[in-house]
Amino acid sequence: MSSEGYRDSFIKSKELMKVTTINIRLRALRAFYNFLFKNKVIEVNPMKNIKLLRDRQKTIETLDDREIEKLIAVMRKQKSFVSFRDEVILLVFLDTGIRLSELVGIEVEDIRGNTVIIRKTKNSFERTVYLSEITQEQVKRYIKIRGQVETESLFINRDEGELNPHSIQTRFTKYGSQAQISKRVSPHTFRHTMAKRMIMSGIDAFSLMYLLGHTDITVTKRYVNLWGTDLEKKHKAYGALKGLKL
């Protein structure tokens, strides 16, 4: 296939997959054919002039401290098992940055002190994420209240069955409305919020990549670039030479 043919096939794929996914595959193909060409296995590199597709940069919304506090206040006001469960779910989302599909896949035995084993992942690779002391305590309380039920799933519905992912999204949308938050309140927003807060705290891109379960560092680096101005302010406040009398 000619280089134009490769390009056209990937452009047509835009209707079926995200630009980010296409670019990940393009990078893999370029690395493969560059290796073959370098080692003289092939005479012509079909990927030589293939460029990555341009992706329209979308605004990524995150929640600030006040908005998170307002969400929790709304949940606590309802004083029910479901609202307490949702509060714990929110804390887990913000602590770990896991996806909604990963959250519903957590079983009670996957909670091990301050760690959570994420088994049902997007890329089929298990990983470990971590809980803060506050979240640990709330998870312990939740498990005690949850009691013994037939399903092994950590988070259950009011009928003691497995949670429906759509119902979680619906409930958080409702909480956002009740808290008068104009931004989209969703598991994905919590994931972005966790990423930003971790970056602001100084985490490196590779560690964040692992925690979020990304398979390509490019996606993670996008977060770092998005909040680069915030990092600049943090560097001015906490730079290594801050306070030295030189």
C-alpha atoms as a PDB file:
ATOM      1  CA  MET A   1       0.000   0.000   0.000  1.00  0.00           C
ATOM      2  CA  SER A   2       1.300   3.502  -0.842  1.00  0.00           C
ATOM      3  CA  SER A   3       1.810   6.206   1.799  1.00  0.00           C
ATOM      4  CA  GLU A   4      -1.266   7.964   0.432  1.00  0.00           C
ATOM      5  CA  GLY A   5      -3.221   4.741   0.886  1.00  0.00           C
ATOM      6  CA  TYR A   6      -2.151   4.466   4.532  1.00  0.00           C
ATOM      7  CA  ARG A   7      -3.136   8.070   5.128  1.00  0.00           C
ATOM      8  CA  ASP A   8      -6.543   7.698   3.461  1.00  0.00           C
ATOM      9  CA  SER A   9      -7.351   4.523   5.392  1.00  0.00           C
ATOM     10  CA  PHE A  10      -6.635   6.230   8.702  1.00  0.00           C
ATOM     11  CA  ILE A  11      -8.610   9.330   7.777  1.00  0.00           C
ATOM     12  CA  LYS A  12     -11.599   7.104   7.005  1.00  0.00           C
ATOM     13  CA  SER A  13     -11.092   5.498  10.413  1.00  0.00           C
ATOM     14  CA  LYS A  14     -11.861   8.824  12.086  1.00  0.00           C
ATOM     15  CA  GLU A  15     -15.529   7.932  11.716  1.00  0.00           C
ATOM     16  CA  LEU A  16     -14.956   4.766  13.763  1.00  0.00           C
ATOM     17  CA  MET A  17     -12.364   5.761  16.385  1.00  0.00           C
ATOM     18  CA  LYS A  18     -10.918   8.771  18.158  1.00  0.00           C
ATOM     19  CA  VAL A  19      -8.050  10.765  16.664  1.00  0.00           C
ATOM     20  CA  THR A  20      -5.950   9.920  19.738  1.00  0.00           C
ATOM     21  CA  THR A  21      -6.399   6.201  19.068  1.00  0.00           C
ATOM     22  CA  ILE A  22      -5.487   6.620  15.397  1.00  0.00           C
ATOM     23  CA  ASN A  23      -2.331   8.545  16.300  1.00  0.00           C
ATOM     24  CA  ILE A  24      -1.264   5.854  18.788  1.00  0.00           C
ATOM     25  CA  ARG A  25      -1.504   3.294  15.990  1.00  0.00           C
ATOM     26  CA  LEU A  26       0.301   5.571  13.562  1.00  0.00           C
ATOM     27  CA  ARG A  27       3.199   5.919  16.019  1.00  0.00           C
ATOM     28  CA  ALA A  28       3.415   2.141  16.384  1.00  0.00           C
ATOM     29  CA  LEU A  29       3.462   1.648  12.604  1.00  0.00           C
ATOM     30  CA  ARG A  30       6.098   4.355  12.143  1.00  0.00           C
ATOM     31  CA  ALA A  31       8.329   2.758  14.787  1.00  0.00           C
ATOM     32  CA  PHE A  32       7.899  -0.673  13.168  1.00  0.00           C
ATOM     33  CA  TYR A  33       8.684   0.453   9.620  1.00  0.00           C
ATOM     34  CA  ASN A  34      11.528   2.721  10.780  1.00  0.00           C
ATOM     35  CA  PHE A  35      13.092  -0.351  12.410  1.00  0.00           C
ATOM     36  CA  LEU A  36      12.687  -2.440   9.226  1.00  0.00           C
ATOM     37  CA  PHE A  37      14.129   0.327   7.052  1.00  0.00           C
ATOM     38  CA  LYS A  38      17.057   0.997   9.414  1.00  0.00           C
ATOM     39  CA  ASN A  39      17.972  -2.692   9.411  1.00  0.00           C
ATOM     40  CA  LYS A  40      17.630  -2.872   5.606  1.00  0.00           C
ATOM     41  CA  VAL A  41      14.786  -5.366   5.712  1.00  0.00           C
ATOM     42  CA  ILE A  42      12.804  -3.103   3.367  1.00  0.00           C
ATOM     43  CA  GLU A  43      14.098  -0.667   0.739  1.00  0.00           C
ATOM     44  CA  VAL A  44      11.295   1.858   1.002  1.00  0.00           C
ATOM     45  CA  ASN A  45       9.699   3.109   4.225  1.00  0.00           C
ATOM     46  CA  PRO A  46       5.950   3.508   3.519  1.00  0.00           C
ATOM     47  CA  MET A  47       5.507   5.555   6.726  1.00  0.00           C
ATOM     48  CA  LYS A  48       8.250   8.086   5.956  1.00  0.00           C
ATOM     49  CA  ASN A  49       5.937  10.940   5.017  1.00  0.00           C
ATOM     50  CA  ILE A  50       2.973   9.965   7.183  1.00  0.00           C
ATOM     51  CA  LYS A  51       2.088  12.675   9.711  1.00  0.00           C
ATOM     52  CA  LEU A  52      -0.088  12.404  12.787  1.00  0.00           C
ATOM     53  CA  LEU A  53      -3.662  13.631  12.509  1.00  0.00           C
ATOM     54  CA  ARG A  54      -4.469  16.918  14.131  1.00  0.00           C
ATOM     55  CA  ASP A  55      -6.869  16.695  17.018  1.00  0.00           C
ATOM     56  CA  ARG A  56      -9.089  19.562  18.067  1.00  0.00           C
ATOM     57  CA  GLN A  57      -8.131  20.370  21.637  1.00  0.00           C
ATOM     58  CA  LYS A  58     -11.212  20.226  23.819  1.00  0.00           C
ATOM     59  CA  THR A  59     -11.608  22.154  27.032  1.00  0.00           C
ATOM     60  CA  ILE A  60     -11.205  19.827  29.990  1.00  0.00           C
ATOM     61  CA  GLU A  61     -13.327  20.845  32.939  1.00  0.00           C
ATOM     62  CA  THR A  62     -12.276  20.134  36.509  1.00  0.00           C
ATOM     63  CA  LEU A  63     -13.869  20.832  39.859  1.00  0.00           C
ATOM     64  CA  ASP A  64     -12.337  23.184  42.395  1.00  0.00           C
ATOM     65  CA  ASP A  65     -12.284  22.723  46.178  1.00  0.00           C
ATOM     66  CA  ARG A  66     -15.500  24.639  46.749  1.00  0.00           C
ATOM     67  CA  GLU A  67     -17.433  22.658  44.130  1.00  0.00           C
ATOM     68  CA  ILE A  68     -16.282  19.332  45.593  1.00  0.00           C
ATOM     69  CA  GLU A  69     -17.324  20.472  49.071  1.00  0.00           C
ATOM     70  CA  LYS A  70     -20.740  21.547  47.765  1.00  0.00           C
ATOM     71  CA  LEU A  71     -21.285  18.132  46.143  1.00  0.00           C
ATOM     72  CA  ILE A  72     -20.471  16.294  49.366  1.00  0.00           C
ATOM     73  CA  ALA A  73     -22.687  18.657  51.365  1.00  0.00           C
ATOM     74  CA  VAL A  74     -25.646  17.879  49.077  1.00  0.00           C
ATOM     75  CA  MET A  75     -25.101  14.131  49.523  1.00  0.00           C
ATOM     76  CA  ARG A  76     -24.759  14.332  53.304  1.00  0.00           C
ATOM     77  CA  LYS A  77     -27.932  16.362  53.558  1.00  0.00           C
ATOM     78  CA  GLN A  78     -29.954  13.409  52.244  1.00  0.00           C
ATOM     79  CA  LYS A  79     -28.792  11.064  55.031  1.00  0.00           C
ATOM     80  CA  SER A  80     -29.480   7.750  53.274  1.00  0.00           C
ATOM     81  CA  PHE A  81     -27.520   4.612  52.413  1.00  0.00           C
ATOM     82  CA  VAL A  82     -27.519   5.549  48.727  1.00  0.00           C
ATOM     83  CA  SER A  83     -26.256   9.090  49.322  1.00  0.00           C
ATOM     84  CA  PHE A  84     -23.506   7.806  51.648  1.00  0.00           C
ATOM     85  CA  ARG A  85     -22.537   5.207  49.038  1.00  0.00           C
ATOM     86  CA  ASP A  86     -22.347   7.953  46.427  1.00  0.00           C
ATOM     87  CA  GLU A  87     -20.152  10.061  48.717  1.00  0.00           C
ATOM     88  CA  VAL A  88     -17.728   7.136  49.044  1.00  0.00           C
ATOM     89  CA  ILE A  89     -17.822   6.631  45.278  1.00  0.00           C
ATOM     90  CA  LEU A  90     -16.960  10.304  44.778  1.00  0.00           C
ATOM     91  CA  LEU A  91     -14.019  10.042  47.178  1.00  0.00           C
ATOM     92  CA  VAL A  92     -12.734   6.931  45.406  1.00  0.00           C
ATOM     93  CA  PHE A  93     -13.021   8.649  42.015  1.00  0.00           C
ATOM     94  CA  LEU A  94     -11.128  11.732  43.244  1.00  0.00           C
ATOM     95  CA  ASP A  95      -8.465   9.686  45.033  1.00  0.00           C
ATOM     96  CA  THR A  96      -7.756   7.239  42.226  1.00  0.00           C
ATOM     97  CA  GLY A  97      -8.905   8.745  38.927  1.00  0.00           C
ATOM     98  CA  ILE A  98     -10.343   5.375  37.863  1.00  0.00           C
ATOM     99  CA  ARG A  99     -12.899   5.066  35.077  1.00  0.00           C
ATOM    100  CA  LEU A 100     -16.579   4.402  35.723  1.00  0.00           C
ATOM    101  CA  SER A 101     -16.300   0.933  34.170  1.00  0.00           C
ATOM    102  CA  GLU A 102     -13.390   0.183  36.494  1.00  0.00           C
ATOM    103  CA  LEU A 103     -15.264   1.370  39.568  1.00  0.00           C
ATOM    104  CA  VAL A 104     -18.255  -0.923  39.032  1.00  0.00           C
ATOM    105  CA  GLY A 105     -15.817  -3.807  38.569  1.00  0.00           C
ATOM    106  CA  ILE A 106     -14.285  -3.429  42.050  1.00  0.00           C
ATOM    107  CA  GLU A 107     -15.064  -6.270  44.437  1.00  0.00           C
ATOM    108  CA  VAL A 108     -14.839  -6.215  48.236  1.00  0.00           C
ATOM    109  CA  GLU A 109     -11.720  -8.381  48.215  1.00  0.00           C
ATOM    110  CA  ASP A 110      -9.973  -5.849  45.962  1.00  0.00           C
ATOM    111  CA  ILE A 111      -9.838  -3.379  48.861  1.00  0.00           C
ATOM    112  CA  ARG A 112      -6.621  -4.002  50.771  1.00  0.00           C
ATOM    113  CA  GLY A 113      -5.919  -1.292  53.305  1.00  0.00           C
ATOM    114  CA  ASN A 114      -4.916   1.812  51.395  1.00  0.00           C
ATOM    115  CA  THR A 115      -4.730   0.007  48.051  1.00  0.00           C
ATOM    116  CA  VAL A 116      -7.332  -1.042  45.496  1.00  0.00           C
ATOM    117  CA  ILE A 117      -6.656  -3.675  42.831  1.00  0.00           C
ATOM    118  CA  ILE A 118      -8.266  -2.609  39.556  1.00  0.00           C
ATOM    119  CA  ARG A 119      -8.944  -5.775  37.563  1.00  0.00           C
ATOM    120  CA  LYS A 120     -11.559  -4.845  34.948  1.00  0.00           C
ATOM    121  CA  THR A 121      -9.498  -2.296  33.035  1.00  0.00           C
ATOM    122  CA  LYS A 122      -9.779  -0.796  29.593  1.00  0.00           C
ATOM    123  CA  ASN A 123      -6.509  -2.374  28.426  1.00  0.00           C
ATOM    124  CA  SER A 124      -6.933  -5.677  30.348  1.00  0.00           C
ATOM    125  CA  PHE A 125      -3.856  -4.982  32.527  1.00  0.00           C
ATOM    126  CA  GLU A 126      -4.422  -5.005  36.276  1.00  0.00           C
ATOM    127  CA  ARG A 127      -3.055  -2.075  38.253  1.00  0.00           C
ATOM    128  CA  THR A 128      -2.973  -0.844  41.828  1.00  0.00           C
ATOM    129  CA  VAL A 129      -4.321   2.538  42.938  1.00  0.00           C
ATOM    130  CA  TYR A 130      -4.203   4.145  46.345  1.00  0.00           C
ATOM    131  CA  LEU A 131      -6.605   5.665  48.858  1.00  0.00           C
ATOM    132  CA  SER A 132      -6.032   8.573  51.222  1.00  0.00           C
ATOM    133  CA  GLU A 133      -6.707   8.116  54.945  1.00  0.00           C
ATOM    134  CA  ILE A 134     -10.057   9.912  54.662  1.00  0.00           C
ATOM    135  CA  THR A 135     -11.249   7.654  51.870  1.00  0.00           C
ATOM    136  CA  GLN A 136      -9.962   4.536  53.635  1.00  0.00           C
ATOM    137  CA  GLU A 137     -12.059   5.327  56.703  1.00  0.00           C
ATOM    138  CA  GLN A 138     -15.171   6.048  54.651  1.00  0.00           C
ATOM    139  CA  VAL A 139     -14.736   2.840  52.647  1.00  0.00           C
ATOM    140  CA  LYS A 140     -14.465   0.847  55.893  1.00  0.00           C
ATOM    141  CA  ARG A 141     -17.672   2.469  57.175  1.00  0.00           C
ATOM    142  CA  TYR A 142     -19.420   1.752  53.888  1.00  0.00           C
ATOM    143  CA  ILE A 143     -18.401  -1.934  53.857  1.00  0.00           C
ATOM    144  CA  LYS A 144     -19.698  -2.322  57.416  1.00  0.00           C
ATOM    145  CA  ILE A 145     -23.039  -0.722  56.524  1.00  0.00           C
ATOM    146  CA  ARG A 146     -23.190  -2.666  53.226  1.00  0.00           C
ATOM    147  CA  GLY A 147     -23.064  -5.940  55.150  1.00  0.00           C
ATOM    148  CA  GLN A 148     -23.177  -9.408  53.628  1.00  0.00           C
ATOM    149  CA  VAL A 149     -24.980  -9.605  50.291  1.00  0.00           C
ATOM    150  CA  GLU A 150     -24.994 -12.088  47.419  1.00  0.00           C
ATOM    151  CA  THR A 151     -22.897 -10.041  44.998  1.00  0.00           C
ATOM    152  CA  GLU A 152     -19.148  -9.572  45.483  1.00  0.00           C
ATOM    153  CA  SER A 153     -19.289  -6.103  43.931  1.00  0.00           C
ATOM    154  CA  LEU A 154     -18.137  -3.419  46.353  1.00  0.00           C
ATOM    155  CA  PHE A 155     -20.759  -0.855  45.403  1.00  0.00           C
ATOM    156  CA  ILE A 156     -24.354  -2.069  45.336  1.00  0.00           C
ATOM    157  CA  ASN A 157     -27.773  -0.571  44.635  1.00  0.00           C
ATOM    158  CA  ARG A 158     -30.636  -0.240  47.118  1.00  0.00           C
ATOM    159  CA  ASP A 159     -31.801  -3.746  46.191  1.00  0.00           C
ATOM    160  CA  GLU A 160     -28.368  -5.186  47.098  1.00  0.00           C
ATOM    161  CA  GLY A 161     -27.542  -5.888  43.458  1.00  0.00           C
ATOM    162  CA  GLU A 162     -24.759  -4.701  41.163  1.00  0.00           C
ATOM    163  CA  LEU A 163     -24.714  -1.026  40.229  1.00  0.00           C
ATOM    164  CA  ASN A 164     -25.686   0.119  36.758  1.00  0.00           C
ATOM    165  CA  PRO A 165     -23.028   2.530  35.402  1.00  0.00           C
ATOM    166  CA  HIS A 166     -25.714   4.709  33.810  1.00  0.00           C
ATOM    167  CA  SER A 167     -27.479   5.142  37.152  1.00  0.00           C
ATOM    168  CA  ILE A 168     -24.234   6.422  38.718  1.00  0.00           C
ATOM    169  CA  GLN A 169     -23.830   9.004  35.976  1.00  0.00           C
ATOM    170  CA  THR A 170     -27.463  10.057  36.346  1.00  0.00           C
ATOM    171  CA  ARG A 171     -27.160  10.485  40.106  1.00  0.00           C
ATOM    172  CA  PHE A 172     -24.040  12.641  39.882  1.00  0.00           C
ATOM    173  CA  THR A 173     -25.669  14.820  37.239  1.00  0.00           C
ATOM    174  CA  LYS A 174     -28.543  15.319  39.690  1.00  0.00           C
ATOM    175  CA  TYR A 175     -26.160  16.124  42.559  1.00  0.00           C
ATOM    176  CA  GLY A 176     -24.414  18.679  40.370  1.00  0.00           C
ATOM    177  CA  SER A 177     -27.717  20.367  39.640  1.00  0.00           C
ATOM    178  CA  GLN A 178     -28.691  20.396  43.313  1.00  0.00           C
ATOM    179  CA  ALA A 179     -25.301  21.876  44.225  1.00  0.00           C
ATOM    180  CA  GLN A 180     -25.814  24.541  41.527  1.00  0.00           C
ATOM    181  CA  ILE A 181     -22.610  23.634  39.727  1.00  0.00           C
ATOM    182  CA  SER A 182     -22.660  24.819  36.120  1.00  0.00           C
ATOM    183  CA  LYS A 183     -19.929  22.413  34.998  1.00  0.00           C
ATOM    184  CA  ARG A 184     -20.598  18.838  33.917  1.00  0.00           C
ATOM    185  CA  VAL A 185     -20.473  16.639  37.011  1.00  0.00           C
ATOM    186  CA  SER A 186     -19.502  13.142  35.941  1.00  0.00           C
ATOM    187  CA  PRO A 187     -17.030  10.323  36.638  1.00  0.00           C
ATOM    188  CA  HIS A 188     -14.888  11.620  33.763  1.00  0.00           C
ATOM    189  CA  THR A 189     -14.840  15.094  35.318  1.00  0.00           C
ATOM    190  CA  PHE A 190     -13.645  13.515  38.570  1.00  0.00           C
ATOM    191  CA  ARG A 191     -10.913  11.704  36.615  1.00  0.00           C
ATOM    192  CA  HIS A 192      -9.710  14.987  35.129  1.00  0.00           C
ATOM    193  CA  THR A 193      -9.920  16.667  38.524  1.00  0.00           C
ATOM    194  CA  MET A 194      -7.744  13.971  40.090  1.00  0.00           C
ATOM    195  CA  ALA A 195      -5.186  14.340  37.289  1.00  0.00           C
ATOM    196  CA  LYS A 196      -4.974  18.100  37.724  1.00  0.00           C
ATOM    197  CA  ARG A 197      -4.659  17.925  41.511  1.00  0.00           C
ATOM    198  CA  MET A 198      -1.933  15.296  41.243  1.00  0.00           C
ATOM    199  CA  ILE A 199      -0.027  17.378  38.706  1.00  0.00           C
ATOM    200  CA  MET A 200      -0.360  20.433  40.918  1.00  0.00           C
ATOM    201  CA  SER A 201       1.078  18.390  43.782  1.00  0.00           C
ATOM    202  CA  GLY A 202       4.139  17.591  41.680  1.00  0.00           C
ATOM    203  CA  ILE A 203       3.548  14.057  40.373  1.00  0.00           C
ATOM    204  CA  ASP A 204       5.580  13.064  37.309  1.00  0.00           C
ATOM    205  CA  ALA A 205       3.894  12.126  34.043  1.00  0.00           C
ATOM    206  CA  PHE A 206       4.986   8.461  34.125  1.00  0.00           C
ATOM    207  CA  SER A 207       3.553   7.847  37.604  1.00  0.00           C
ATOM    208  CA  LEU A 208       0.303   9.578  36.645  1.00  0.00           C
ATOM    209  CA  MET A 209       0.177   7.531  33.454  1.00  0.00           C
ATOM    210  CA  TYR A 210       0.248   4.328  35.518  1.00  0.00           C
ATOM    211  CA  LEU A 211      -2.355   5.499  38.040  1.00  0.00           C
ATOM    212  CA  LEU A 212      -4.773   6.543  35.302  1.00  0.00           C
ATOM    213  CA  GLY A 213      -4.210   3.362  33.298  1.00  0.00           C
ATOM    214  CA  HIS A 214      -3.096   5.156  30.132  1.00  0.00           C
ATOM    215  CA  THR A 215      -1.318   3.030  27.529  1.00  0.00           C
ATOM    216  CA  ASP A 216       0.378   6.002  25.859  1.00  0.00           C
ATOM    217  CA  ILE A 217       2.271   8.810  27.599  1.00  0.00           C
ATOM    218  CA  THR A 218       0.969  11.311  25.002  1.00  0.00           C
ATOM    219  CA  VAL A 219      -2.468  11.378  26.606  1.00  0.00           C
ATOM    220  CA  THR A 220      -0.983  11.975  30.057  1.00  0.00           C
ATOM    221  CA  LYS A 221       1.371  14.693  28.816  1.00  0.00           C
ATOM    222  CA  ARG A 222      -1.632  16.538  27.444  1.00  0.00           C
ATOM    223  CA  TYR A 223      -2.838  17.020  31.021  1.00  0.00           C
ATOM    224  CA  VAL A 224       0.573  18.371  32.019  1.00  0.00           C
ATOM    225  CA  ASN A 225       0.557  20.815  29.095  1.00  0.00           C
ATOM    226  CA  LEU A 226      -2.995  21.960  29.849  1.00  0.00           C
ATOM    227  CA  TRP A 227      -2.131  23.020  33.373  1.00  0.00           C
ATOM    228  CA  GLY A 228       1.373  24.254  32.632  1.00  0.00           C
ATOM    229  CA  THR A 229       0.591  27.793  33.776  1.00  0.00           C
ATOM    230  CA  ASP A 230      -0.530  26.429  37.133  1.00  0.00           C
ATOM    231  CA  LEU A 231       2.732  24.508  37.401  1.00  0.00           C
ATOM    232  CA  GLU A 232       4.661  27.696  36.682  1.00  0.00           C
ATOM    233  CA  LYS A 233       2.979  29.381  39.654  1.00  0.00           C
ATOM    234  CA  LYS A 234       3.736  26.367  41.830  1.00  0.00           C
ATOM    235  CA  HIS A 235       7.393  26.413  40.780  1.00  0.00           C
ATOM    236  CA  LYS A 236       7.684  30.064  41.753  1.00  0.00           C
ATOM    237  CA  ALA A 237       6.285  29.257  45.187  1.00  0.00           C
ATOM    238  CA  TYR A 238       8.125  26.001  45.859  1.00  0.00           C
ATOM    239  CA  GLY A 239      11.164  25.993  43.554  1.00  0.00           C
ATOM    240  CA  ALA A 240      14.289  24.201  44.788  1.00  0.00           C
ATOM    241  CA  LEU A 241      16.168  27.487  45.246  1.00  0.00           C
ATOM    242  CA  LYS A 242      13.325  29.179  47.102  1.00  0.00           C
ATOM    243  CA  GLY A 243      14.546  30.649  50.404  1.00  0.00           C
ATOM    244  CA  LEU A 244      18.264  30.071  49.784  1.00  0.00           C
ATOM    245  CA  LYS A 245      20.585  32.978  50.570  1.00  0.00           C
ATOM    246  CA  LEU A 246      23.001  32.733  47.665  1.00  0.00           C
END
